[in-house]
N, C-alpha and C. Protein backbone atom coordinates (compact mmCIF):
# COMPACT_ATOMS: atom_id res chain seq x y z
N MET A 1 -27.31 -3.84 37.94
CA MET A 1 -27.63 -4.91 37.04
C MET A 1 -26.82 -6.38 37.09
N CYS A 2 -27.56 -7.56 37.52
CA CYS A 2 -26.92 -8.55 37.41
C CYS A 2 -26.81 -9.33 36.44
N PRO A 3 -25.23 -9.89 36.52
CA PRO A 3 -24.72 -10.72 35.25
C PRO A 3 -26.09 -11.90 35.06
N SER A 4 -25.91 -12.12 33.36
CA SER A 4 -26.96 -13.34 33.27
C SER A 4 -26.04 -14.66 34.17
N PRO A 5 -26.72 -15.75 34.03
CA PRO A 5 -26.70 -16.97 34.61
C PRO A 5 -25.63 -17.65 33.24
N ALA A 6 -25.48 -17.50 32.66
CA ALA A 6 -24.47 -17.81 30.98
C ALA A 6 -23.15 -17.15 31.40
N ALA A 7 -23.06 -15.78 31.83
CA ALA A 7 -22.27 -14.84 31.79
C ALA A 7 -21.39 -15.74 33.20
N LEU A 8 -22.12 -15.90 34.15
CA LEU A 8 -21.61 -16.21 35.36
C LEU A 8 -21.10 -17.88 35.77
N GLN A 9 -21.57 -18.54 34.38
CA GLN A 9 -21.06 -19.72 34.06
C GLN A 9 -19.42 -19.66 33.49
N LEU A 10 -19.58 -18.59 32.58
CA LEU A 10 -18.62 -18.30 31.61
C LEU A 10 -17.19 -18.18 32.76
N ALA A 11 -17.93 -17.45 33.19
CA ALA A 11 -16.65 -16.68 34.24
C ALA A 11 -16.09 -17.50 35.44
N SER A 12 -17.05 -18.48 35.48
CA SER A 12 -16.74 -19.40 36.61
C SER A 12 -15.28 -20.31 36.02
N LEU A 13 -15.95 -20.75 34.73
CA LEU A 13 -15.10 -21.63 33.75
C LEU A 13 -13.83 -21.10 33.62
N PHE A 14 -13.80 -19.92 32.96
CA PHE A 14 -12.56 -19.13 32.90
C PHE A 14 -11.60 -18.91 34.08
N SER A 15 -12.28 -18.70 35.40
CA SER A 15 -11.67 -18.96 36.66
C SER A 15 -11.04 -19.59 37.17
N SER A 16 -11.40 -21.00 36.59
CA SER A 16 -11.47 -22.59 37.32
C SER A 16 -9.76 -22.70 36.24
N LEU A 17 -9.31 -21.81 35.32
CA LEU A 17 -8.31 -22.78 34.02
C LEU A 17 -7.40 -21.74 34.82
N GLU A 18 -5.83 -22.88 34.23
CA GLU A 18 -4.71 -22.68 34.51
C GLU A 18 -4.59 -21.26 33.84
N PRO A 19 -3.88 -20.06 34.29
CA PRO A 19 -3.53 -19.22 32.82
C PRO A 19 -3.10 -19.55 31.71
N TRP A 20 -2.03 -20.38 31.87
CA TRP A 20 -1.57 -21.20 30.41
C TRP A 20 -2.81 -21.45 29.23
N ILE A 21 -3.43 -22.10 30.18
CA ILE A 21 -4.47 -22.44 28.97
C ILE A 21 -5.73 -21.32 28.61
N PHE A 22 -5.62 -20.81 29.41
CA PHE A 22 -6.38 -19.21 28.91
C PHE A 22 -5.71 -18.88 27.78
N TRP A 23 -4.56 -18.65 27.53
CA TRP A 23 -3.96 -17.86 26.67
C TRP A 23 -3.39 -18.43 25.85
N LEU A 24 -3.45 -20.10 25.68
CA LEU A 24 -3.44 -20.83 24.66
C LEU A 24 -4.70 -20.63 23.67
N LEU A 25 -5.91 -21.06 24.37
CA LEU A 25 -7.39 -20.74 24.24
C LEU A 25 -7.78 -19.54 23.04
N LEU A 26 -7.12 -18.59 23.87
CA LEU A 26 -6.69 -17.15 23.19
C LEU A 26 -6.21 -17.29 21.87
N ALA A 27 -5.19 -17.97 21.76
CA ALA A 27 -4.07 -18.01 20.94
C ALA A 27 -4.76 -18.68 19.82
N ILE A 28 -5.57 -20.00 20.15
CA ILE A 28 -6.01 -20.70 18.68
C ILE A 28 -7.26 -19.53 18.63
N LEU A 29 -8.02 -18.93 19.40
CA LEU A 29 -9.21 -18.57 18.97
C LEU A 29 -9.11 -17.44 17.75
N LEU A 30 -7.51 -16.91 18.21
CA LEU A 30 -7.65 -15.73 17.05
C LEU A 30 -6.88 -16.41 15.81
N LEU A 31 -6.02 -17.62 16.32
CA LEU A 31 -5.74 -18.31 15.08
C LEU A 31 -6.99 -18.45 13.70
N VAL A 32 -8.05 -18.94 14.57
CA VAL A 32 -9.02 -19.29 13.68
C VAL A 32 -9.65 -18.29 13.02
N VAL A 33 -9.91 -17.24 13.93
CA VAL A 33 -10.24 -16.01 13.30
C VAL A 33 -9.45 -15.49 11.98
N GLU A 34 -8.44 -15.49 12.31
CA GLU A 34 -7.24 -15.12 11.17
C GLU A 34 -7.46 -15.82 9.92
N ALA A 35 -7.76 -17.42 10.14
CA ALA A 35 -7.92 -18.11 8.79
C ALA A 35 -9.30 -17.74 8.20
N LEU A 36 -9.89 -17.58 8.91
CA LEU A 36 -11.43 -17.11 8.65
C LEU A 36 -11.52 -15.56 7.59
N THR A 37 -10.44 -14.57 8.30
CA THR A 37 -10.66 -13.38 7.83
C THR A 37 -9.48 -13.07 6.88
N VAL A 38 -8.60 -14.06 7.11
CA VAL A 38 -6.88 -13.30 6.24
C VAL A 38 -6.99 -11.94 6.23
N MET A 39 -7.04 -11.09 7.37
CA MET A 39 -6.60 -9.96 7.03
C MET A 39 -5.13 -9.50 7.69
N LEU A 40 -4.54 -10.48 8.45
CA LEU A 40 -3.34 -10.21 8.75
C LEU A 40 -3.24 -9.05 10.11
N ILE A 41 -4.31 -9.31 11.01
CA ILE A 41 -4.43 -8.68 12.48
C ILE A 41 -4.60 -9.66 13.33
N SER A 42 -5.54 -10.37 13.37
CA SER A 42 -5.50 -11.80 14.39
C SER A 42 -4.22 -12.43 14.94
N LEU A 43 -3.63 -12.42 13.71
CA LEU A 43 -2.11 -13.22 13.73
C LEU A 43 -1.18 -12.65 14.58
N TRP A 44 -1.03 -11.15 14.53
CA TRP A 44 0.01 -10.56 15.78
C TRP A 44 -1.04 -10.86 17.16
N PHE A 45 -1.88 -10.75 17.36
CA PHE A 45 -2.30 -11.22 18.58
C PHE A 45 -2.26 -12.67 19.42
N ALA A 46 -2.43 -13.41 18.36
CA ALA A 46 -2.05 -14.80 18.48
C ALA A 46 -0.59 -15.12 19.35
N VAL A 47 0.08 -14.51 18.70
CA VAL A 47 1.46 -14.04 18.43
C VAL A 47 1.81 -13.73 20.19
N GLY A 48 1.13 -12.56 20.29
CA GLY A 48 1.00 -12.30 21.97
C GLY A 48 0.46 -13.19 22.88
N ALA A 49 -0.40 -13.68 22.59
CA ALA A 49 -0.97 -14.61 23.20
C ALA A 49 -0.48 -16.06 23.83
N LEU A 50 0.54 -16.54 23.05
CA LEU A 50 1.33 -17.07 22.89
C LEU A 50 2.85 -16.80 23.80
N GLY A 51 3.11 -15.74 23.82
CA GLY A 51 4.15 -15.25 24.86
C GLY A 51 3.72 -15.02 25.98
N ALA A 52 2.54 -14.35 26.09
CA ALA A 52 1.71 -14.45 27.54
C ALA A 52 1.58 -15.97 28.16
N MET A 53 1.47 -16.86 27.21
CA MET A 53 1.42 -18.06 27.88
C MET A 53 2.49 -18.69 28.34
N VAL A 54 3.80 -18.51 27.08
CA VAL A 54 5.14 -18.77 28.37
C VAL A 54 5.21 -18.32 29.32
N ALA A 55 4.79 -16.55 29.65
CA ALA A 55 5.04 -16.11 30.65
C ALA A 55 4.66 -16.63 32.24
N ALA A 56 3.16 -16.91 31.77
CA ALA A 56 2.37 -18.11 32.70
C ALA A 56 3.08 -18.95 33.08
N MET A 57 3.62 -19.94 32.14
CA MET A 57 4.44 -21.34 32.50
C MET A 57 4.93 -21.02 33.27
N LEU A 58 5.80 -19.71 32.87
CA LEU A 58 7.10 -19.57 33.85
C LEU A 58 7.09 -19.22 35.03
N GLY A 59 5.75 -18.78 35.52
CA GLY A 59 5.32 -18.25 36.74
C GLY A 59 4.97 -17.02 37.10
N ALA A 60 4.85 -16.32 36.11
CA ALA A 60 4.70 -14.77 35.76
C ALA A 60 3.19 -14.34 36.62
N SER A 61 3.04 -13.21 36.60
CA SER A 61 1.81 -12.72 37.51
C SER A 61 1.06 -12.31 36.60
N THR A 62 -0.31 -11.93 36.38
CA THR A 62 -1.16 -11.63 35.99
C THR A 62 -0.86 -10.41 35.02
N ALA A 63 -0.21 -9.52 35.86
CA ALA A 63 0.02 -8.10 35.12
C ALA A 63 1.10 -8.19 34.38
N VAL A 64 1.91 -9.21 34.46
CA VAL A 64 3.35 -9.53 33.61
C VAL A 64 2.80 -10.13 32.13
N GLN A 65 1.90 -11.07 32.64
CA GLN A 65 1.02 -11.56 31.37
C GLN A 65 0.48 -10.82 30.55
N VAL A 66 -0.26 -10.17 31.15
CA VAL A 66 -0.76 -9.17 30.20
C VAL A 66 0.12 -7.76 29.32
N LEU A 67 1.05 -7.56 30.39
CA LEU A 67 1.87 -6.95 29.50
C LEU A 67 2.85 -7.43 28.58
N VAL A 68 2.91 -8.87 28.66
CA VAL A 68 4.19 -9.36 27.83
C VAL A 68 2.88 -9.66 26.49
N PHE A 69 1.71 -10.14 26.29
CA PHE A 69 0.68 -9.87 25.54
C PHE A 69 0.45 -8.75 24.79
N VAL A 70 0.44 -7.42 25.39
CA VAL A 70 0.29 -5.96 25.01
C VAL A 70 1.35 -5.79 23.91
N LEU A 71 2.70 -5.91 24.75
CA LEU A 71 3.96 -5.57 23.92
C LEU A 71 4.27 -6.55 22.75
N LEU A 72 3.89 -7.66 23.00
CA LEU A 72 4.38 -8.93 21.81
C LEU A 72 3.62 -8.65 21.03
N SER A 73 2.22 -8.14 20.92
CA SER A 73 1.18 -8.24 20.05
C SER A 73 1.48 -7.06 19.41
N ALA A 74 2.19 -5.69 19.94
CA ALA A 74 2.45 -4.27 19.27
C ALA A 74 3.49 -4.82 18.40
N LEU A 75 4.53 -5.38 18.66
CA LEU A 75 5.66 -5.57 18.42
C LEU A 75 5.87 -6.29 16.92
N THR A 76 4.92 -7.49 17.32
CA THR A 76 5.06 -8.42 16.03
C THR A 76 4.08 -7.68 14.98
N PHE A 77 2.98 -7.03 15.39
CA PHE A 77 2.11 -6.23 14.45
C PHE A 77 2.99 -5.25 13.65
N ALA A 78 3.71 -4.16 14.29
CA ALA A 78 4.18 -3.33 13.91
C ALA A 78 5.38 -3.95 12.87
N ILE A 79 6.27 -4.76 13.07
CA ILE A 79 7.08 -5.61 11.62
C ILE A 79 6.70 -6.18 11.00
N GLY A 80 5.15 -6.90 11.26
CA GLY A 80 4.55 -7.49 10.35
C GLY A 80 3.85 -6.41 9.44
N TRP A 81 3.41 -5.76 9.81
CA TRP A 81 3.04 -4.42 9.10
C TRP A 81 4.17 -3.70 8.07
N HIS A 82 5.03 -3.64 8.52
CA HIS A 82 5.82 -2.97 7.99
C HIS A 82 6.64 -3.90 6.64
N PHE A 83 6.40 -5.26 6.59
CA PHE A 83 7.08 -6.23 5.66
C PHE A 83 5.96 -6.74 5.52
N ARG A 84 5.04 -6.42 5.43
CA ARG A 84 3.70 -7.53 4.81
C ARG A 84 3.57 -7.85 3.43
N ASP A 85 4.33 -6.43 2.55
CA ASP A 85 4.26 -6.79 1.13
C ASP A 85 4.90 -7.71 0.63
N ARG A 86 6.95 -7.48 1.24
CA ARG A 86 7.62 -8.67 0.75
C ARG A 86 7.22 -9.95 1.20
N ILE A 87 6.80 -10.27 2.63
CA ILE A 87 6.43 -11.38 3.43
C ILE A 87 5.42 -12.14 2.96
N PHE A 88 4.34 -11.74 2.77
CA PHE A 88 3.06 -12.26 2.27
C PHE A 88 2.54 -12.38 0.92
N ILE A 89 2.95 -11.50 0.64
CA ILE A 89 2.22 -10.84 -1.27
C ILE A 89 3.69 -10.71 -1.85
N GLY A 90 4.79 -10.53 -2.12
CA GLY A 90 5.46 -9.94 -2.45
C GLY A 90 6.00 -8.55 -2.71
N PRO A 91 6.98 -8.84 -3.77
CA PRO A 91 7.44 -7.21 -3.52
C PRO A 91 6.09 -6.29 -4.67
N ARG A 92 6.36 -5.09 -4.35
CA ARG A 92 5.02 -4.36 -5.20
C ARG A 92 6.10 -4.01 -6.23
N ARG A 93 4.93 -4.56 -7.61
CA ARG A 93 5.64 -4.67 -9.11
C ARG A 93 4.29 -3.48 -9.47
N ARG A 94 5.36 -2.74 -10.50
CA ARG A 94 4.34 -1.94 -11.25
C ARG A 94 4.25 -2.65 -12.44
N THR A 95 2.91 -2.52 -12.54
CA THR A 95 2.34 -3.33 -13.66
C THR A 95 2.26 -2.83 -15.22
N PRO A 96 3.34 -3.20 -15.99
CA PRO A 96 3.48 -2.25 -17.40
C PRO A 96 2.13 -2.16 -18.37
N THR A 97 2.03 -1.28 -18.88
CA THR A 97 0.65 -0.89 -19.51
C THR A 97 1.27 -0.54 -20.90
N ASN A 98 0.52 -0.49 -22.18
CA ASN A 98 1.01 -0.32 -23.39
C ASN A 98 1.30 1.06 -23.60
N ALA A 99 0.80 2.18 -22.31
CA ALA A 99 0.72 3.63 -22.31
C ALA A 99 2.77 3.81 -21.99
N ASP A 100 3.00 3.02 -21.26
CA ASP A 100 4.34 2.97 -21.25
C ASP A 100 5.15 3.69 -22.02
N ARG A 101 4.90 2.84 -23.34
CA ARG A 101 5.66 3.30 -24.38
C ARG A 101 6.30 4.38 -25.02
N ILE A 102 5.30 5.28 -24.47
CA ILE A 102 5.43 6.74 -25.32
C ILE A 102 6.10 7.66 -24.18
N ILE A 103 6.55 7.12 -22.99
CA ILE A 103 7.56 7.61 -22.12
C ILE A 103 8.81 7.60 -22.98
N GLY A 104 9.33 8.95 -23.25
CA GLY A 104 10.58 9.10 -23.78
C GLY A 104 10.45 9.74 -25.59
N GLN A 105 9.24 9.43 -25.86
CA GLN A 105 8.85 9.76 -27.18
C GLN A 105 8.63 11.28 -27.10
N THR A 106 8.90 11.74 -28.48
CA THR A 106 8.73 12.95 -29.01
C THR A 106 7.30 13.21 -29.22
N ALA A 107 6.63 14.44 -28.89
CA ALA A 107 5.35 14.63 -29.19
C ALA A 107 4.94 16.37 -29.68
N GLU A 108 3.76 16.45 -30.25
CA GLU A 108 3.33 17.65 -30.63
C GLU A 108 2.03 18.06 -29.72
N VAL A 109 2.68 19.27 -29.35
CA VAL A 109 1.39 20.07 -28.84
C VAL A 109 0.34 20.19 -29.38
N ILE A 110 -1.08 19.61 -29.34
CA ILE A 110 -2.11 20.29 -30.69
C ILE A 110 -3.10 21.00 -29.92
N VAL A 111 -3.13 21.01 -28.27
CA VAL A 111 -3.64 22.42 -27.59
C VAL A 111 -2.82 22.71 -26.65
N ALA A 112 -2.61 24.00 -26.56
CA ALA A 112 -1.35 24.96 -26.16
C ALA A 112 -1.83 24.20 -24.15
N LEU A 113 -0.77 23.85 -23.76
CA LEU A 113 -0.34 23.41 -22.15
C LEU A 113 -0.05 24.84 -21.60
N ASP A 114 -1.38 24.64 -20.64
CA ASP A 114 -1.73 26.09 -19.59
C ASP A 114 -1.89 25.42 -18.53
N PRO A 115 -0.98 25.62 -17.36
CA PRO A 115 -1.04 25.00 -15.95
C PRO A 115 -2.29 26.13 -15.08
N ILE A 116 -2.28 26.70 -15.75
CA ILE A 116 -2.96 27.77 -14.91
C ILE A 116 -4.58 27.35 -15.27
N GLU A 117 -4.87 27.37 -16.80
CA GLU A 117 -6.23 26.94 -16.88
C GLU A 117 -6.68 24.82 -17.03
N GLY A 118 -5.36 24.51 -16.42
CA GLY A 118 -5.37 23.23 -16.40
C GLY A 118 -5.92 22.29 -17.97
N THR A 119 -5.35 23.10 -19.11
CA THR A 119 -5.43 22.50 -20.33
C THR A 119 -4.14 21.99 -21.15
N GLY A 120 -4.32 21.08 -22.36
CA GLY A 120 -3.34 21.04 -23.08
C GLY A 120 -3.62 19.45 -23.17
N LEU A 121 -3.21 19.42 -24.83
CA LEU A 121 -3.20 18.10 -25.37
C LEU A 121 -2.00 17.87 -26.31
N ILE A 122 -1.61 16.97 -26.48
CA ILE A 122 -0.28 16.55 -27.05
C ILE A 122 -0.82 15.10 -27.80
N ARG A 123 0.25 14.93 -29.33
CA ARG A 123 -0.19 13.97 -30.31
C ARG A 123 1.10 13.16 -30.15
N VAL A 124 0.93 11.99 -29.78
CA VAL A 124 2.19 10.96 -29.73
C VAL A 124 1.94 9.68 -30.31
N ARG A 125 2.83 9.25 -31.15
CA ARG A 125 2.51 7.97 -31.78
C ARG A 125 1.09 7.80 -32.06
N GLY A 126 0.55 8.88 -32.62
CA GLY A 126 -0.77 8.65 -33.09
C GLY A 126 -1.98 8.61 -32.44
N GLN A 127 -1.51 8.85 -31.02
CA GLN A 127 -2.59 9.08 -30.02
C GLN A 127 -2.67 10.63 -29.64
N THR A 128 -3.62 10.73 -28.86
CA THR A 128 -4.41 11.98 -27.97
C THR A 128 -4.14 11.81 -26.71
N TRP A 129 -3.29 12.65 -26.08
CA TRP A 129 -3.25 12.83 -24.56
C TRP A 129 -3.68 13.83 -23.76
N SER A 130 -3.98 14.03 -22.70
CA SER A 130 -3.94 15.26 -21.91
C SER A 130 -2.62 15.26 -21.63
N ALA A 131 -2.24 17.09 -21.59
CA ALA A 131 -0.94 16.52 -20.93
C ALA A 131 -0.41 18.04 -19.93
N GLU A 132 0.27 18.04 -19.42
CA GLU A 132 1.37 19.11 -18.40
C GLU A 132 2.28 19.02 -18.42
N THR A 133 3.13 19.94 -18.09
CA THR A 133 4.48 20.18 -18.26
C THR A 133 4.73 19.76 -17.02
N THR A 134 6.06 19.39 -17.04
CA THR A 134 7.11 19.03 -15.65
C THR A 134 7.06 20.11 -14.63
N ASP A 135 7.27 21.24 -14.94
CA ASP A 135 8.02 22.38 -13.97
C ASP A 135 6.71 23.42 -14.12
N ALA A 136 5.17 23.08 -14.83
CA ALA A 136 4.55 23.94 -14.93
C ALA A 136 4.52 25.16 -15.77
N THR A 137 5.19 25.13 -16.91
CA THR A 137 5.07 26.19 -17.41
C THR A 137 4.38 25.99 -18.83
N PRO A 138 3.51 27.18 -19.47
CA PRO A 138 2.86 27.00 -20.40
C PRO A 138 3.61 26.80 -21.98
N LEU A 139 3.09 26.03 -23.12
CA LEU A 139 3.87 25.76 -23.98
C LEU A 139 2.79 26.11 -25.30
N PRO A 140 3.14 26.66 -26.01
CA PRO A 140 2.30 27.08 -27.14
C PRO A 140 1.55 25.78 -28.01
N GLU A 141 0.67 25.84 -28.87
CA GLU A 141 0.42 24.82 -29.57
C GLU A 141 1.95 24.81 -30.94
N GLY A 142 1.61 23.53 -31.26
CA GLY A 142 2.95 23.53 -32.20
C GLY A 142 3.84 23.03 -31.59
N SER A 143 4.12 23.10 -30.53
CA SER A 143 5.76 23.18 -29.69
C SER A 143 6.09 21.41 -29.78
N GLN A 144 7.29 21.38 -29.95
CA GLN A 144 7.66 19.58 -29.68
C GLN A 144 7.96 19.24 -27.99
N VAL A 145 7.40 18.41 -27.79
CA VAL A 145 7.77 18.17 -26.64
C VAL A 145 8.21 16.75 -26.18
N ARG A 146 9.09 16.17 -24.53
CA ARG A 146 9.33 14.98 -24.47
C ARG A 146 8.61 14.34 -23.57
N VAL A 147 7.78 13.49 -23.43
CA VAL A 147 7.11 12.93 -22.33
C VAL A 147 8.05 12.11 -21.54
N THR A 148 8.20 12.63 -20.12
CA THR A 148 8.99 12.25 -19.21
C THR A 148 8.27 11.04 -17.97
N ALA A 149 7.02 10.92 -18.15
CA ALA A 149 6.07 9.88 -17.30
C ALA A 149 4.54 10.13 -17.72
N ILE A 150 3.85 9.41 -16.69
CA ILE A 150 2.57 9.40 -16.94
C ILE A 150 1.73 9.30 -15.69
N ARG A 151 0.61 10.18 -15.62
CA ARG A 151 0.62 10.17 -14.16
C ARG A 151 -1.03 10.12 -14.10
N GLY A 152 -1.41 9.19 -13.59
CA GLY A 152 -2.80 9.14 -14.30
C GLY A 152 -3.23 8.84 -15.58
N VAL A 153 -4.26 9.86 -16.01
CA VAL A 153 -4.46 9.63 -17.52
C VAL A 153 -3.70 11.11 -18.22
N LYS A 154 -2.84 11.38 -17.48
CA LYS A 154 -2.31 12.62 -17.91
C LYS A 154 -0.64 12.21 -18.35
N ALA A 155 -0.34 12.82 -19.56
CA ALA A 155 1.38 12.48 -20.04
C ALA A 155 1.86 13.95 -19.52
N ILE A 156 2.98 13.38 -18.60
CA ILE A 156 4.15 14.77 -18.23
C ILE A 156 5.15 14.64 -18.88
N VAL A 157 5.18 16.26 -19.75
CA VAL A 157 6.11 16.20 -20.54
C VAL A 157 6.71 17.58 -20.40
N GLU A 158 8.10 17.90 -21.14
CA GLU A 158 9.02 18.76 -20.92
C GLU A 158 9.33 19.37 -22.32
N ALA A 159 9.72 20.51 -22.41
CA ALA A 159 10.02 20.82 -23.93
C ALA A 159 11.01 20.10 -24.76
N ALA A 160 11.08 19.77 -25.72
CA ALA A 160 11.92 18.73 -26.40
C ALA A 160 13.28 19.58 -26.67
N PRO A 161 14.24 18.77 -26.94
CA PRO A 161 15.32 19.96 -27.30
C PRO A 161 14.95 20.05 -28.64
N ALA A 162 15.67 20.80 -29.45
CA ALA A 162 15.98 21.27 -30.34
C ALA A 162 16.04 20.24 -31.66
N SER A 163 17.15 19.52 -31.17
CA SER A 163 17.04 18.42 -32.59
C SER A 163 16.35 17.28 -32.43
N ALA A 164 15.60 16.86 -30.94
CA ALA A 164 14.51 16.00 -31.18
C ALA A 164 13.41 16.55 -32.16
N ALA A 165 12.88 17.88 -31.96
CA ALA A 165 11.87 18.48 -32.46
C ALA A 165 12.18 18.65 -33.77
N GLN A 166 13.45 18.96 -34.58
CA GLN A 166 13.45 18.94 -35.91
C GLN A 166 13.41 17.24 -36.68
N THR A 167 14.15 16.65 -35.62
CA THR A 167 13.59 14.95 -36.12
C THR A 167 12.25 14.68 -36.45
N VAL A 168 11.36 15.49 -35.59
CA VAL A 168 9.76 14.87 -35.72
C VAL A 168 9.57 15.58 -36.92
N GLU A 169 9.70 16.75 -37.02
CA GLU A 169 9.45 17.68 -38.24
C GLU A 169 9.69 16.88 -39.64
N HIS A 170 10.98 16.32 -39.16
CA HIS A 170 11.03 15.38 -40.85
C HIS A 170 10.75 14.12 -40.71
N GLY A 171 9.90 13.49 -40.40
CA GLY A 171 9.40 12.58 -40.21
C GLY A 171 9.97 11.42 -39.68
N GLY A 172 11.29 11.71 -38.97
CA GLY A 172 11.98 10.36 -38.28
C GLY A 172 11.42 10.30 -36.70
N HIS A 173 11.74 9.44 -36.06
CA HIS A 173 11.33 8.87 -34.90
C HIS A 173 12.34 9.59 -33.69
N ALA A 174 11.85 9.81 -32.47
CA ALA A 174 13.09 10.76 -31.39
C ALA A 174 13.60 9.18 -30.78
């Protein structure tokens, strides 16, 4: 299979370039791709290309230039990927919701919590929530529980201490 004339011309152009110019053009191309995609992937390879360009300017062999490109790209990719949230997006923050206010509240089991059947409902602050216990223990209807967390659309609960249960029974808030 013979290469096309266009491929031969392109190969001729690149073979006539100084190695450092090749690496510079590659870095520019990768930065343009990064600017167009904003994927934080091409950026790390552009850094590797700039490192290879410096190696070429210092007279390193082609094998060393390629090695610098690969190692520097991999290193900056690994570091950048590890710190991407803090560097580019900021720390991950949990978005509070109104549902968070039921955490710590005492609730009443209105449909028995059964970890085997996967059933259970509680009423807390006038709302009905599907629920499961923290330790997968069943709790009968009418039990008092304390909401410890929310996982998806389920309230995670534990049996309430006797004093909290009495408070709820008497109309107070826990």
